Amino acid sequence: MLSPADLFDLEDFPENDIFSNCIYAWDALKQLKEYTAERAGSAFNHRCIADGVPLDSPYILHHGRIRNARECIISYGDATKGKLIVTENGQPLEGASVIMAGATIVGVGHTTEVKHSIFLNDAKAGHFAYLGDSILGNNVNLGAGTKFANLRFVPGNVNIRVDGKNIASGLRKIGAILGDNAQTGCNSVTNPGTIIGKKCMLMPNTTAPSGYHPPGSLIK
């Protein structure tokens, strides 16, 4: 009930390797820093800019890597030409996107803060949210003002409460893990170590207790 496969459909998630060899879903957080460091090559790093600073030229996003648009040919699509096509050295870059000059990279949603967390496909934290040491499954949507607390008042690692028993997470900080298609209402809060199953709903202005909430639960 707490494994990655229990909470997420990983078949179409491009970074599903992060969950390899994970007994519990939160084990992915233990290797997140190393995982991202291994995949952030120099070609990506030297093009990164400070948050909120407008890009001075267009860039190409292709398979998780950022390329300089000056090295590519961009055929902008329209109703007569068809879809946009990006080529580099004569080779089409299938699935590439164009980030236009003047765009700003500001994170996830308006005044949303994300720290050491994982977003699966189409997960959204649009407005005034805080996510610390958390995982959002596919198609998860957080209502405005959602907060995932990730640190207890008392010393020691966070335990996960399941059926009256504690499971050691091995983590000092862990926020919330939401299974696929779960939702939170506006101004909802989760306590450290909250695991919310698939298709659960956390109602507005509600604080979810720590521990495991089975799939389809209505938390109010």
N, C-alpha and C. Protein backbone atom coordinates (compact mmCIF):
# COMPACT_ATOMS: atom_id res chain seq x y z
N MET A 1 0.81 -1.21 0.00
CA MET A 1 0.00 0.00 0.00
C MET A 1 0.85 1.27 0.00
N LEU A 2 2.14 1.15 0.30
CA LEU A 2 3.01 2.31 0.41
C LEU A 2 4.15 2.30 -0.59
N SER A 3 4.15 1.33 -1.49
CA SER A 3 5.19 1.27 -2.50
C SER A 3 4.89 2.27 -3.62
N PRO A 4 5.89 2.63 -4.43
CA PRO A 4 5.60 3.53 -5.56
C PRO A 4 4.50 3.00 -6.47
N ALA A 5 4.48 1.70 -6.73
CA ALA A 5 3.47 1.12 -7.61
C ALA A 5 2.07 1.21 -7.02
N ASP A 6 1.97 1.23 -5.70
CA ASP A 6 0.67 1.36 -5.04
C ASP A 6 0.08 2.75 -5.20
N LEU A 7 0.95 3.75 -5.32
CA LEU A 7 0.51 5.14 -5.33
C LEU A 7 0.54 5.78 -6.71
N PHE A 8 1.42 5.30 -7.60
CA PHE A 8 1.60 5.97 -8.88
C PHE A 8 1.62 4.99 -10.04
N ASP A 9 1.10 5.45 -11.18
CA ASP A 9 1.31 4.77 -12.45
C ASP A 9 2.58 5.36 -13.07
N LEU A 10 3.64 4.58 -13.10
CA LEU A 10 4.96 5.09 -13.51
C LEU A 10 5.31 4.81 -14.96
N GLU A 11 4.40 4.17 -15.68
CA GLU A 11 4.72 3.73 -17.04
C GLU A 11 5.12 4.89 -17.94
N ASP A 12 4.42 6.03 -17.85
CA ASP A 12 4.69 7.16 -18.75
C ASP A 12 5.48 8.27 -18.08
N PHE A 13 5.94 8.05 -16.87
CA PHE A 13 6.72 9.07 -16.17
C PHE A 13 8.17 9.00 -16.66
N PRO A 14 8.69 10.04 -17.30
CA PRO A 14 10.02 9.95 -17.92
C PRO A 14 11.17 9.76 -16.93
N GLU A 15 10.96 10.09 -15.67
CA GLU A 15 12.01 9.93 -14.67
C GLU A 15 11.68 8.81 -13.68
N ASN A 16 11.07 7.75 -14.20
CA ASN A 16 10.65 6.68 -13.29
C ASN A 16 11.81 5.94 -12.65
N ASP A 17 13.03 6.15 -13.17
CA ASP A 17 14.19 5.52 -12.54
C ASP A 17 14.39 5.97 -11.11
N ILE A 18 13.88 7.14 -10.76
CA ILE A 18 14.04 7.65 -9.40
C ILE A 18 13.39 6.71 -8.38
N PHE A 19 12.41 5.92 -8.84
CA PHE A 19 11.70 5.02 -7.94
C PHE A 19 12.25 3.58 -8.00
N SER A 20 13.30 3.37 -8.78
CA SER A 20 13.89 2.03 -8.86
C SER A 20 14.43 1.61 -7.50
N ASN A 21 14.18 0.38 -7.15
CA ASN A 21 14.69 -0.20 -5.91
C ASN A 21 14.14 0.47 -4.65
N CYS A 22 13.01 1.18 -4.79
CA CYS A 22 12.38 1.81 -3.63
C CYS A 22 11.34 0.86 -3.03
N ILE A 23 11.50 0.54 -1.78
CA ILE A 23 10.50 -0.29 -1.09
C ILE A 23 9.27 0.56 -0.79
N TYR A 24 9.52 1.75 -0.24
CA TYR A 24 8.45 2.70 0.05
C TYR A 24 8.59 3.91 -0.88
N ALA A 25 7.49 4.58 -1.15
CA ALA A 25 7.52 5.72 -2.07
C ALA A 25 8.47 6.80 -1.60
N TRP A 26 8.54 7.03 -0.28
CA TRP A 26 9.40 8.10 0.23
C TRP A 26 10.89 7.80 0.08
N ASP A 27 11.24 6.55 -0.23
CA ASP A 27 12.66 6.24 -0.44
C ASP A 27 13.24 7.03 -1.62
N ALA A 28 12.38 7.43 -2.56
CA ALA A 28 12.85 8.23 -3.70
C ALA A 28 13.43 9.56 -3.24
N LEU A 29 12.89 10.11 -2.16
CA LEU A 29 13.39 11.39 -1.65
C LEU A 29 14.82 11.26 -1.13
N LYS A 30 15.19 10.07 -0.67
CA LYS A 30 16.53 9.86 -0.13
C LYS A 30 17.60 9.95 -1.22
N GLN A 31 17.22 9.64 -2.44
CA GLN A 31 18.20 9.65 -3.53
C GLN A 31 17.96 10.77 -4.54
N LEU A 32 17.04 11.69 -4.22
CA LEU A 32 16.68 12.74 -5.18
C LEU A 32 17.86 13.66 -5.50
N LYS A 33 18.59 14.08 -4.48
CA LYS A 33 19.70 15.02 -4.71
C LYS A 33 20.76 14.41 -5.61
N GLU A 34 21.14 13.18 -5.33
CA GLU A 34 22.15 12.51 -6.16
C GLU A 34 21.62 12.26 -7.57
N TYR A 35 20.35 11.87 -7.66
CA TYR A 35 19.74 11.58 -8.96
C TYR A 35 19.76 12.81 -9.86
N THR A 36 19.35 13.95 -9.33
CA THR A 36 19.30 15.16 -10.16
C THR A 36 20.71 15.66 -10.48
N ALA A 37 21.65 15.49 -9.55
CA ALA A 37 23.02 15.94 -9.81
C ALA A 37 23.64 15.16 -10.97
N GLU A 38 23.32 13.89 -11.07
CA GLU A 38 23.87 13.07 -12.14
C GLU A 38 23.32 13.45 -13.50
N ARG A 39 22.13 14.05 -13.51
CA ARG A 39 21.47 14.35 -14.78
C ARG A 39 21.57 15.83 -15.18
N ALA A 40 22.13 16.64 -14.35
CA ALA A 40 22.28 18.07 -14.65
C ALA A 40 23.67 18.30 -15.23
N GLY A 41 23.83 18.06 -16.54
CA GLY A 41 25.12 18.20 -17.19
C GLY A 41 25.51 19.65 -17.37
N SER A 42 26.77 19.86 -17.76
CA SER A 42 27.27 21.22 -17.93
C SER A 42 26.52 21.97 -19.01
N ALA A 43 26.03 21.27 -20.02
CA ALA A 43 25.28 21.94 -21.10
C ALA A 43 24.00 22.57 -20.56
N PHE A 44 23.47 21.98 -19.49
CA PHE A 44 22.27 22.55 -18.87
C PHE A 44 22.64 23.67 -17.91
N ASN A 45 23.66 23.42 -17.09
CA ASN A 45 23.97 24.35 -16.01
C ASN A 45 24.37 25.74 -16.49
N HIS A 46 25.17 25.83 -17.53
CA HIS A 46 25.67 27.15 -17.90
C HIS A 46 24.61 28.00 -18.57
N ARG A 47 23.46 27.39 -18.89
CA ARG A 47 22.39 28.16 -19.48
C ARG A 47 21.32 28.53 -18.45
N CYS A 48 21.43 28.04 -17.26
CA CYS A 48 20.46 28.37 -16.22
C CYS A 48 20.67 29.81 -15.78
N ILE A 49 19.59 30.47 -15.46
CA ILE A 49 19.66 31.87 -15.01
C ILE A 49 18.89 32.00 -13.72
N ALA A 50 19.01 33.16 -13.11
CA ALA A 50 18.32 33.39 -11.84
C ALA A 50 16.82 33.43 -12.06
N ASP A 51 16.08 32.99 -11.04
CA ASP A 51 14.62 33.03 -11.12
C ASP A 51 14.14 34.45 -11.39
N GLY A 52 13.16 34.57 -12.27
CA GLY A 52 12.53 35.84 -12.53
C GLY A 52 13.29 36.75 -13.48
N VAL A 53 14.44 36.31 -13.99
CA VAL A 53 15.22 37.13 -14.93
C VAL A 53 14.81 36.76 -16.35
N PRO A 54 14.36 37.72 -17.18
CA PRO A 54 13.93 37.39 -18.54
C PRO A 54 15.05 36.79 -19.38
N LEU A 55 14.74 35.78 -20.16
CA LEU A 55 15.72 35.19 -21.08
C LEU A 55 16.07 36.19 -22.17
N ASP A 56 17.37 36.28 -22.49
CA ASP A 56 17.79 37.24 -23.51
C ASP A 56 17.74 36.66 -24.91
N SER A 57 17.44 35.36 -25.04
CA SER A 57 17.32 34.73 -26.35
C SER A 57 16.46 33.48 -26.20
N PRO A 58 15.92 32.98 -27.31
CA PRO A 58 15.11 31.76 -27.22
C PRO A 58 15.96 30.52 -26.95
N TYR A 59 15.35 29.53 -26.34
CA TYR A 59 16.01 28.25 -26.06
C TYR A 59 15.10 27.12 -26.50
N ILE A 60 15.70 25.94 -26.66
CA ILE A 60 14.97 24.74 -27.04
C ILE A 60 14.99 23.77 -25.88
N LEU A 61 13.82 23.27 -25.50
CA LEU A 61 13.71 22.24 -24.48
C LEU A 61 13.43 20.92 -25.16
N HIS A 62 14.36 19.96 -25.00
CA HIS A 62 14.21 18.68 -25.70
C HIS A 62 14.70 17.55 -24.78
N HIS A 63 13.79 16.63 -24.44
CA HIS A 63 14.11 15.49 -23.59
C HIS A 63 14.82 15.91 -22.31
N GLY A 64 14.30 16.97 -21.67
CA GLY A 64 14.82 17.40 -20.40
C GLY A 64 16.09 18.22 -20.46
N ARG A 65 16.59 18.51 -21.65
CA ARG A 65 17.80 19.31 -21.80
C ARG A 65 17.47 20.63 -22.49
N ILE A 66 18.21 21.67 -22.12
CA ILE A 66 18.02 22.98 -22.74
C ILE A 66 19.14 23.22 -23.75
N ARG A 67 18.76 23.59 -24.97
CA ARG A 67 19.72 23.86 -26.04
C ARG A 67 19.58 25.30 -26.50
N ASN A 68 20.66 25.86 -26.99
CA ASN A 68 20.62 27.21 -27.52
C ASN A 68 19.91 27.21 -28.87
N ALA A 69 18.89 28.04 -29.00
CA ALA A 69 18.11 28.06 -30.25
C ALA A 69 18.95 28.51 -31.44
N ARG A 70 20.05 29.23 -31.19
CA ARG A 70 20.90 29.67 -32.29
C ARG A 70 21.57 28.50 -33.01
N GLU A 71 21.62 27.35 -32.35
CA GLU A 71 22.22 26.17 -32.94
C GLU A 71 21.19 25.32 -33.69
N CYS A 72 19.94 25.80 -33.72
CA CYS A 72 18.86 25.02 -34.32
C CYS A 72 18.12 25.85 -35.37
N ILE A 73 17.35 25.14 -36.19
CA ILE A 73 16.45 25.78 -37.15
C ILE A 73 15.03 25.54 -36.67
N ILE A 74 14.28 26.63 -36.51
CA ILE A 74 12.91 26.54 -36.01
C ILE A 74 11.95 26.90 -37.13
N SER A 75 11.10 25.96 -37.51
CA SER A 75 10.05 26.21 -38.50
C SER A 75 8.74 26.32 -37.74
N TYR A 76 8.30 27.56 -37.55
CA TYR A 76 7.10 27.78 -36.75
C TYR A 76 5.86 27.32 -37.51
N GLY A 77 5.04 26.51 -36.86
CA GLY A 77 3.86 25.97 -37.52
C GLY A 77 2.69 26.93 -37.47
N ASP A 78 1.75 26.72 -38.39
CA ASP A 78 0.49 27.45 -38.39
C ASP A 78 -0.54 26.61 -39.13
N ALA A 79 -1.69 27.20 -39.44
CA ALA A 79 -2.77 26.44 -40.06
C ALA A 79 -2.39 25.91 -41.44
N THR A 80 -1.45 26.58 -42.12
CA THR A 80 -1.08 26.14 -43.47
C THR A 80 0.18 25.28 -43.47
N LYS A 81 1.11 25.55 -42.55
CA LYS A 81 2.38 24.82 -42.55
C LYS A 81 2.35 23.55 -41.70
N GLY A 82 1.39 23.46 -40.80
CA GLY A 82 1.37 22.33 -39.89
C GLY A 82 2.08 22.62 -38.60
N LYS A 83 2.57 21.58 -37.94
CA LYS A 83 3.14 21.74 -36.60
C LYS A 83 4.53 22.37 -36.64
N LEU A 84 4.94 22.88 -35.48
CA LEU A 84 6.27 23.43 -35.32
C LEU A 84 7.31 22.31 -35.46
N ILE A 85 8.40 22.60 -36.18
CA ILE A 85 9.47 21.62 -36.37
C ILE A 85 10.79 22.27 -35.97
N VAL A 86 11.55 21.59 -35.11
CA VAL A 86 12.87 22.05 -34.70
C VAL A 86 13.91 21.04 -35.18
N THR A 87 14.95 21.52 -35.86
CA THR A 87 16.01 20.64 -36.34
C THR A 87 17.36 21.14 -35.85
N GLU A 88 18.27 20.22 -35.64
CA GLU A 88 19.64 20.54 -35.25
C GLU A 88 20.57 19.69 -36.11
N ASN A 89 21.44 20.37 -36.88
CA ASN A 89 22.33 19.68 -37.82
C ASN A 89 21.57 18.77 -38.76
N GLY A 90 20.39 19.26 -39.17
CA GLY A 90 19.58 18.52 -40.12
C GLY A 90 18.72 17.43 -39.52
N GLN A 91 18.82 17.19 -38.22
CA GLN A 91 18.07 16.13 -37.57
C GLN A 91 16.89 16.72 -36.79
N PRO A 92 15.66 16.25 -37.07
CA PRO A 92 14.50 16.75 -36.31
C PRO A 92 14.60 16.37 -34.83
N LEU A 93 14.23 17.30 -33.99
CA LEU A 93 14.18 17.05 -32.54
C LEU A 93 12.72 16.81 -32.17
N GLU A 94 12.32 15.55 -32.22
CA GLU A 94 10.93 15.19 -31.97
C GLU A 94 10.53 15.57 -30.54
N GLY A 95 9.38 16.22 -30.40
CA GLY A 95 8.87 16.59 -29.09
C GLY A 95 9.52 17.82 -28.48
N ALA A 96 10.32 18.54 -29.27
CA ALA A 96 10.99 19.73 -28.73
C ALA A 96 10.00 20.87 -28.55
N SER A 97 10.28 21.73 -27.56
CA SER A 97 9.50 22.93 -27.31
C SER A 97 10.41 24.15 -27.39
N VAL A 98 9.82 25.29 -27.73
CA VAL A 98 10.57 26.54 -27.82
C VAL A 98 10.22 27.43 -26.63
N ILE A 99 11.26 27.87 -25.91
CA ILE A 99 11.08 28.84 -24.83
C ILE A 99 11.49 30.19 -25.40
N MET A 100 10.54 31.10 -25.55
CA MET A 100 10.80 32.35 -26.25
C MET A 100 11.60 33.33 -25.39
N ALA A 101 12.36 34.19 -26.07
CA ALA A 101 13.07 35.27 -25.39
C ALA A 101 12.07 36.14 -24.64
N GLY A 102 12.44 36.60 -23.48
CA GLY A 102 11.56 37.40 -22.64
C GLY A 102 10.79 36.60 -21.63
N ALA A 103 10.78 35.25 -21.80
CA ALA A 103 10.11 34.41 -20.82
C ALA A 103 10.89 34.44 -19.51
N THR A 104 10.19 34.18 -18.42
CA THR A 104 10.85 34.12 -17.12
C THR A 104 10.60 32.77 -16.48
N ILE A 105 11.60 32.27 -15.79
CA ILE A 105 11.51 31.01 -15.08
C ILE A 105 11.30 31.33 -13.61
N VAL A 106 10.12 31.08 -13.09
CA VAL A 106 9.80 31.53 -11.73
C VAL A 106 9.35 30.39 -10.82
N GLY A 107 9.49 29.15 -11.24
CA GLY A 107 9.10 28.03 -10.38
C GLY A 107 7.72 27.53 -10.71
N VAL A 108 7.01 27.02 -9.70
CA VAL A 108 5.73 26.35 -9.90
C VAL A 108 4.62 27.23 -9.38
N GLY A 109 3.84 27.79 -10.25
CA GLY A 109 2.67 28.56 -9.83
C GLY A 109 3.04 29.86 -9.14
N HIS A 110 2.03 30.66 -8.90
CA HIS A 110 2.20 31.98 -8.30
C HIS A 110 2.49 31.87 -6.80
N THR A 111 3.63 32.38 -6.38
CA THR A 111 4.10 32.36 -4.98
C THR A 111 4.06 30.96 -4.36
N THR A 112 4.26 29.95 -5.18
CA THR A 112 4.38 28.59 -4.67
C THR A 112 5.84 28.26 -4.44
N GLU A 113 6.14 27.67 -3.29
CA GLU A 113 7.52 27.29 -2.95
C GLU A 113 7.63 25.77 -2.93
N VAL A 114 8.63 25.25 -3.64
CA VAL A 114 8.85 23.81 -3.71
C VAL A 114 10.28 23.52 -3.26
N LYS A 115 10.42 22.59 -2.34
CA LYS A 115 11.73 22.22 -1.81
C LYS A 115 11.88 20.70 -1.81
N HIS A 116 12.89 20.20 -2.53
CA HIS A 116 13.25 18.77 -2.49
C HIS A 116 12.02 17.89 -2.68
N SER A 117 11.32 18.08 -3.80
CA SER A 117 10.07 17.37 -4.06
C SER A 117 10.05 16.83 -5.48
N ILE A 118 9.10 15.93 -5.73
CA ILE A 118 8.96 15.29 -7.04
C ILE A 118 7.54 15.50 -7.54
N PHE A 119 7.43 15.96 -8.78
CA PHE A 119 6.13 16.11 -9.44
C PHE A 119 6.05 15.08 -10.57
N LEU A 120 5.05 14.23 -10.54
CA LEU A 120 4.82 13.33 -11.66
C LEU A 120 4.01 14.06 -12.73
N ASN A 121 3.66 13.36 -13.80
CA ASN A 121 3.02 13.98 -14.95
C ASN A 121 1.74 14.74 -14.59
N ASP A 122 1.68 15.99 -15.04
CA ASP A 122 0.49 16.84 -14.89
C ASP A 122 0.12 17.13 -13.44
N ALA A 123 1.06 16.98 -12.53
CA ALA A 123 0.82 17.42 -11.15
C ALA A 123 0.90 18.94 -11.09
N LYS A 124 0.03 19.55 -10.30
CA LYS A 124 -0.09 21.01 -10.29
C LYS A 124 -0.14 21.56 -8.87
N ALA A 125 0.69 22.59 -8.64
CA ALA A 125 0.64 23.36 -7.40
C ALA A 125 0.62 24.82 -7.80
N GLY A 126 -0.58 25.30 -8.07
CA GLY A 126 -0.71 26.55 -8.80
C GLY A 126 -0.58 27.83 -8.01
N HIS A 127 -1.06 27.87 -6.78
CA HIS A 127 -1.18 29.17 -6.11
C HIS A 127 -0.88 29.07 -4.61
N PHE A 128 0.07 29.86 -4.14
CA PHE A 128 0.29 30.07 -2.70
C PHE A 128 0.52 28.77 -1.92
N ALA A 129 1.16 27.79 -2.55
CA ALA A 129 1.37 26.50 -1.90
C ALA A 129 2.80 26.38 -1.37
N TYR A 130 2.98 25.49 -0.40
CA TYR A 130 4.32 25.11 0.04
C TYR A 130 4.44 23.60 0.05
N LEU A 131 5.48 23.09 -0.62
CA LEU A 131 5.75 21.66 -0.65
C LEU A 131 7.19 21.44 -0.21
N GLY A 132 7.36 20.76 0.90
CA GLY A 132 8.69 20.41 1.35
C GLY A 132 8.83 18.91 1.45
N ASP A 133 9.85 18.34 0.77
CA ASP A 133 10.14 16.91 0.87
C ASP A 133 8.89 16.08 0.61
N SER A 134 8.28 16.33 -0.54
CA SER A 134 6.98 15.74 -0.86
C SER A 134 6.98 15.17 -2.27
N ILE A 135 5.95 14.38 -2.58
CA ILE A 135 5.78 13.79 -3.91
C ILE A 135 4.33 13.94 -4.33
N LEU A 136 4.12 14.46 -5.54
CA LEU A 136 2.78 14.56 -6.11
C LEU A 136 2.66 13.57 -7.26
N GLY A 137 1.63 12.72 -7.20
CA GLY A 137 1.40 11.75 -8.25
C GLY A 137 0.81 12.37 -9.51
N ASN A 138 0.56 11.54 -10.49
CA ASN A 138 -0.01 12.00 -11.76
C ASN A 138 -1.35 12.68 -11.55
N ASN A 139 -1.52 13.83 -12.21
CA ASN A 139 -2.80 14.56 -12.22
C ASN A 139 -3.25 15.04 -10.83
N VAL A 140 -2.33 15.13 -9.91
CA VAL A 140 -2.67 15.71 -8.60
C VAL A 140 -2.85 17.22 -8.75
N ASN A 141 -3.84 17.76 -8.08
CA ASN A 141 -4.06 19.20 -8.09
C ASN A 141 -4.18 19.72 -6.67
N LEU A 142 -3.37 20.74 -6.35
CA LEU A 142 -3.41 21.36 -5.03
C LEU A 142 -4.20 22.65 -5.08
N GLY A 143 -5.18 22.78 -4.19
CA GLY A 143 -5.93 24.02 -4.10
C GLY A 143 -5.05 25.14 -3.57
N ALA A 144 -5.46 26.38 -3.85
CA ALA A 144 -4.69 27.54 -3.43
C ALA A 144 -4.47 27.52 -1.91
N GLY A 145 -3.24 27.81 -1.51
CA GLY A 145 -2.94 27.88 -0.09
C GLY A 145 -2.63 26.55 0.57
N THR A 146 -2.50 25.49 -0.19
CA THR A 146 -2.17 24.19 0.39
C THR A 146 -0.76 24.23 0.98
N LYS A 147 -0.57 23.67 2.17
CA LYS A 147 0.72 23.65 2.83
C LYS A 147 1.04 22.23 3.30
N PHE A 148 2.23 21.75 2.93
CA PHE A 148 2.70 20.44 3.38
C PHE A 148 3.80 20.64 4.41
N ALA A 149 3.47 20.54 5.69
CA ALA A 149 4.49 20.64 6.73
C ALA A 149 5.43 19.43 6.65
N ASN A 150 6.72 19.66 6.86
CA ASN A 150 7.68 18.57 6.66
C ASN A 150 8.61 18.33 7.84
N LEU A 151 8.43 19.06 8.95
CA LEU A 151 9.32 18.91 10.09
C LEU A 151 8.52 18.92 11.39
N ARG A 152 8.74 17.91 12.22
CA ARG A 152 8.02 17.83 13.49
C ARG A 152 8.65 18.75 14.53
N PHE A 153 7.88 19.09 15.56
CA PHE A 153 8.41 19.88 16.66
C PHE A 153 9.43 19.09 17.47
N VAL A 154 9.18 17.79 17.64
CA VAL A 154 10.03 16.96 18.48
C VAL A 154 11.20 16.40 17.68
N PRO A 155 12.32 16.10 18.34
CA PRO A 155 13.49 15.55 17.61
C PRO A 155 13.21 14.17 17.04
N GLY A 156 14.06 13.77 16.11
CA GLY A 156 13.98 12.42 15.55
C GLY A 156 13.32 12.36 14.20
N ASN A 157 13.46 11.21 13.54
CA ASN A 157 12.89 11.01 12.22
C ASN A 157 11.37 10.88 12.28
N VAL A 158 10.75 11.09 11.14
CA VAL A 158 9.30 10.98 11.02
C VAL A 158 8.90 9.52 10.82
N ASN A 159 7.96 9.04 11.59
CA ASN A 159 7.39 7.71 11.39
C ASN A 159 6.07 7.83 10.63
N ILE A 160 5.76 6.80 9.85
CA ILE A 160 4.51 6.77 9.10
C ILE A 160 3.54 5.82 9.80
N ARG A 161 2.39 6.35 10.21
CA ARG A 161 1.41 5.58 10.97
C ARG A 161 0.48 4.84 10.00
N VAL A 162 0.45 3.50 10.12
CA VAL A 162 -0.40 2.68 9.26
C VAL A 162 -1.05 1.60 10.12
N ASP A 163 -2.38 1.59 10.16
CA ASP A 163 -3.13 0.57 10.90
C ASP A 163 -2.65 0.45 12.35
N GLY A 164 -2.40 1.60 12.97
CA GLY A 164 -2.01 1.60 14.37
C GLY A 164 -0.55 1.28 14.64
N LYS A 165 0.22 1.07 13.59
CA LYS A 165 1.64 0.75 13.75
C LYS A 165 2.50 1.81 13.06
N ASN A 166 3.70 2.03 13.58
CA ASN A 166 4.63 2.99 12.99
C ASN A 166 5.63 2.31 12.08
N ILE A 167 5.83 2.92 10.91
CA ILE A 167 6.87 2.48 9.98
C ILE A 167 7.93 3.57 9.94
N ALA A 168 9.17 3.21 10.21
CA ALA A 168 10.25 4.18 10.21
C ALA A 168 10.54 4.65 8.79
N SER A 169 10.51 5.96 8.58
CA SER A 169 10.79 6.50 7.24
C SER A 169 12.29 6.66 7.01
N GLY A 170 13.05 6.81 8.09
CA GLY A 170 14.47 7.08 7.95
C GLY A 170 14.77 8.51 7.55
N LEU A 171 13.76 9.37 7.60
CA LEU A 171 13.91 10.76 7.17
C LEU A 171 13.56 11.70 8.31
N ARG A 172 14.41 12.70 8.51
CA ARG A 172 14.10 13.75 9.48
C ARG A 172 12.99 14.64 8.96
N LYS A 173 13.00 14.87 7.64
CA LYS A 173 11.99 15.72 7.03
C LYS A 173 11.24 14.93 5.96
N ILE A 174 9.93 14.92 6.07
CA ILE A 174 9.07 14.35 5.03
C ILE A 174 7.72 15.05 5.12
N GLY A 175 7.26 15.55 3.99
CA GLY A 175 6.00 16.28 3.96
C GLY A 175 4.83 15.35 3.68
N ALA A 176 4.31 15.44 2.46
CA ALA A 176 3.16 14.60 2.08
C ALA A 176 3.47 13.89 0.77
N ILE A 177 2.87 12.74 0.60
CA ILE A 177 2.94 12.00 -0.65
C ILE A 177 1.50 11.74 -1.09
N LEU A 178 1.16 12.24 -2.27
CA LEU A 178 -0.20 12.12 -2.80
C LEU A 178 -0.21 11.19 -4.00
N GLY A 179 -1.07 10.17 -3.94
CA GLY A 179 -1.20 9.25 -5.05
C GLY A 179 -1.90 9.89 -6.24
N ASP A 180 -1.89 9.20 -7.36
CA ASP A 180 -2.47 9.70 -8.61
C ASP A 180 -3.91 10.19 -8.40
N ASN A 181 -4.20 11.35 -9.01
CA ASN A 181 -5.55 11.92 -9.06
C ASN A 181 -6.09 12.36 -7.70
N ALA A 182 -5.22 12.50 -6.71
CA ALA A 182 -5.67 13.06 -5.44
C ALA A 182 -5.79 14.58 -5.57
N GLN A 183 -6.60 15.18 -4.70
CA GLN A 183 -6.81 16.63 -4.73
C GLN A 183 -6.84 17.20 -3.32
N THR A 184 -6.41 18.46 -3.21
CA THR A 184 -6.56 19.17 -1.94
C THR A 184 -7.38 20.43 -2.18
N GLY A 185 -8.19 20.79 -1.19
CA GLY A 185 -8.95 22.02 -1.26
C GLY A 185 -8.13 23.21 -0.81
N CYS A 186 -8.66 24.39 -1.02
CA CYS A 186 -7.96 25.62 -0.65
C CYS A 186 -7.67 25.67 0.85
N ASN A 187 -6.46 26.15 1.17
CA ASN A 187 -6.03 26.35 2.56
C ASN A 187 -6.01 25.06 3.37
N SER A 188 -5.80 23.95 2.71
CA SER A 188 -5.65 22.69 3.45
C SER A 188 -4.19 22.51 3.86
N VAL A 189 -3.98 21.70 4.90
CA VAL A 189 -2.65 21.49 5.48
C VAL A 189 -2.47 20.00 5.75
N THR A 190 -1.25 19.51 5.56
CA THR A 190 -0.92 18.14 5.97
C THR A 190 0.19 18.18 7.00
N ASN A 191 0.10 17.29 7.96
CA ASN A 191 1.15 17.15 8.95
C ASN A 191 2.30 16.33 8.38
N PRO A 192 3.50 16.43 8.97
CA PRO A 192 4.64 15.66 8.46
C PRO A 192 4.34 14.16 8.40
N GLY A 193 4.71 13.54 7.29
CA GLY A 193 4.50 12.11 7.14
C GLY A 193 3.08 11.72 6.81
N THR A 194 2.44 12.49 5.93
CA THR A 194 1.07 12.18 5.50
C THR A 194 1.11 11.50 4.13
N ILE A 195 0.53 10.33 4.02
CA ILE A 195 0.47 9.58 2.77
C ILE A 195 -0.99 9.49 2.35
N ILE A 196 -1.32 10.09 1.23
CA ILE A 196 -2.70 10.15 0.75
C ILE A 196 -2.81 9.30 -0.51
N GLY A 197 -3.69 8.31 -0.47
CA GLY A 197 -3.80 7.37 -1.58
C GLY A 197 -4.44 7.96 -2.82
N LYS A 198 -4.52 7.14 -3.85
CA LYS A 198 -5.08 7.55 -5.13
C LYS A 198 -6.53 8.03 -4.97
N LYS A 199 -6.87 9.07 -5.71
CA LYS A 199 -8.24 9.59 -5.81
C LYS A 199 -8.81 10.04 -4.46
N CYS A 200 -7.95 10.40 -3.53
CA CYS A 200 -8.43 10.96 -2.27
C CYS A 200 -8.73 12.44 -2.44
N MET A 201 -9.56 12.97 -1.55
CA MET A 201 -9.87 14.40 -1.53
C MET A 201 -9.65 14.93 -0.12
N LEU A 202 -8.79 15.93 0.00
CA LEU A 202 -8.59 16.64 1.26
C LEU A 202 -9.40 17.93 1.18
N MET A 203 -10.40 18.05 2.01
CA MET A 203 -11.35 19.15 1.90
C MET A 203 -10.72 20.49 2.29
N PRO A 204 -11.31 21.60 1.81
CA PRO A 204 -10.77 22.93 2.12
C PRO A 204 -10.73 23.19 3.62
N ASN A 205 -9.74 23.99 4.04
CA ASN A 205 -9.59 24.41 5.44
C ASN A 205 -9.49 23.23 6.40
N THR A 206 -8.90 22.15 5.92
CA THR A 206 -8.79 20.92 6.72
C THR A 206 -7.32 20.57 6.92
N THR A 207 -6.97 20.11 8.12
CA THR A 207 -5.63 19.61 8.39
C THR A 207 -5.66 18.09 8.42
N ALA A 208 -4.92 17.49 7.51
CA ALA A 208 -4.88 16.03 7.44
C ALA A 208 -3.91 15.49 8.48
N PRO A 209 -4.33 14.54 9.30
CA PRO A 209 -3.42 13.95 10.28
C PRO A 209 -2.33 13.13 9.60
N SER A 210 -1.19 13.01 10.27
CA SER A 210 -0.11 12.18 9.76
C SER A 210 -0.58 10.74 9.60
N GLY A 211 0.08 10.01 8.73
CA GLY A 211 -0.24 8.61 8.53
C GLY A 211 -0.83 8.35 7.16
N TYR A 212 -1.29 7.13 6.98
CA TYR A 212 -1.77 6.67 5.67
C TYR A 212 -3.28 6.80 5.56
N HIS A 213 -3.72 7.38 4.44
CA HIS A 213 -5.14 7.53 4.11
C HIS A 213 -5.40 6.70 2.86
N PRO A 214 -6.23 5.66 2.94
CA PRO A 214 -6.44 4.74 1.82
C PRO A 214 -7.01 5.42 0.57
N PRO A 215 -6.87 4.78 -0.58
CA PRO A 215 -7.41 5.34 -1.83
C PRO A 215 -8.90 5.65 -1.71
N GLY A 216 -9.30 6.77 -2.31
CA GLY A 216 -10.70 7.15 -2.32
C GLY A 216 -11.20 7.80 -1.05
N SER A 217 -10.32 8.07 -0.10
CA SER A 217 -10.76 8.66 1.17
C SER A 217 -11.20 10.11 0.99
N LEU A 218 -12.17 10.52 1.76
CA LEU A 218 -12.58 11.92 1.87
C LEU A 218 -12.12 12.40 3.24
N ILE A 219 -11.13 13.28 3.24
CA ILE A 219 -10.53 13.73 4.50
C ILE A 219 -11.12 15.08 4.86
N LYS A 220 -11.82 15.13 5.99
CA LYS A 220 -12.51 16.38 6.35
C LYS A 220 -12.53 16.55 7.86
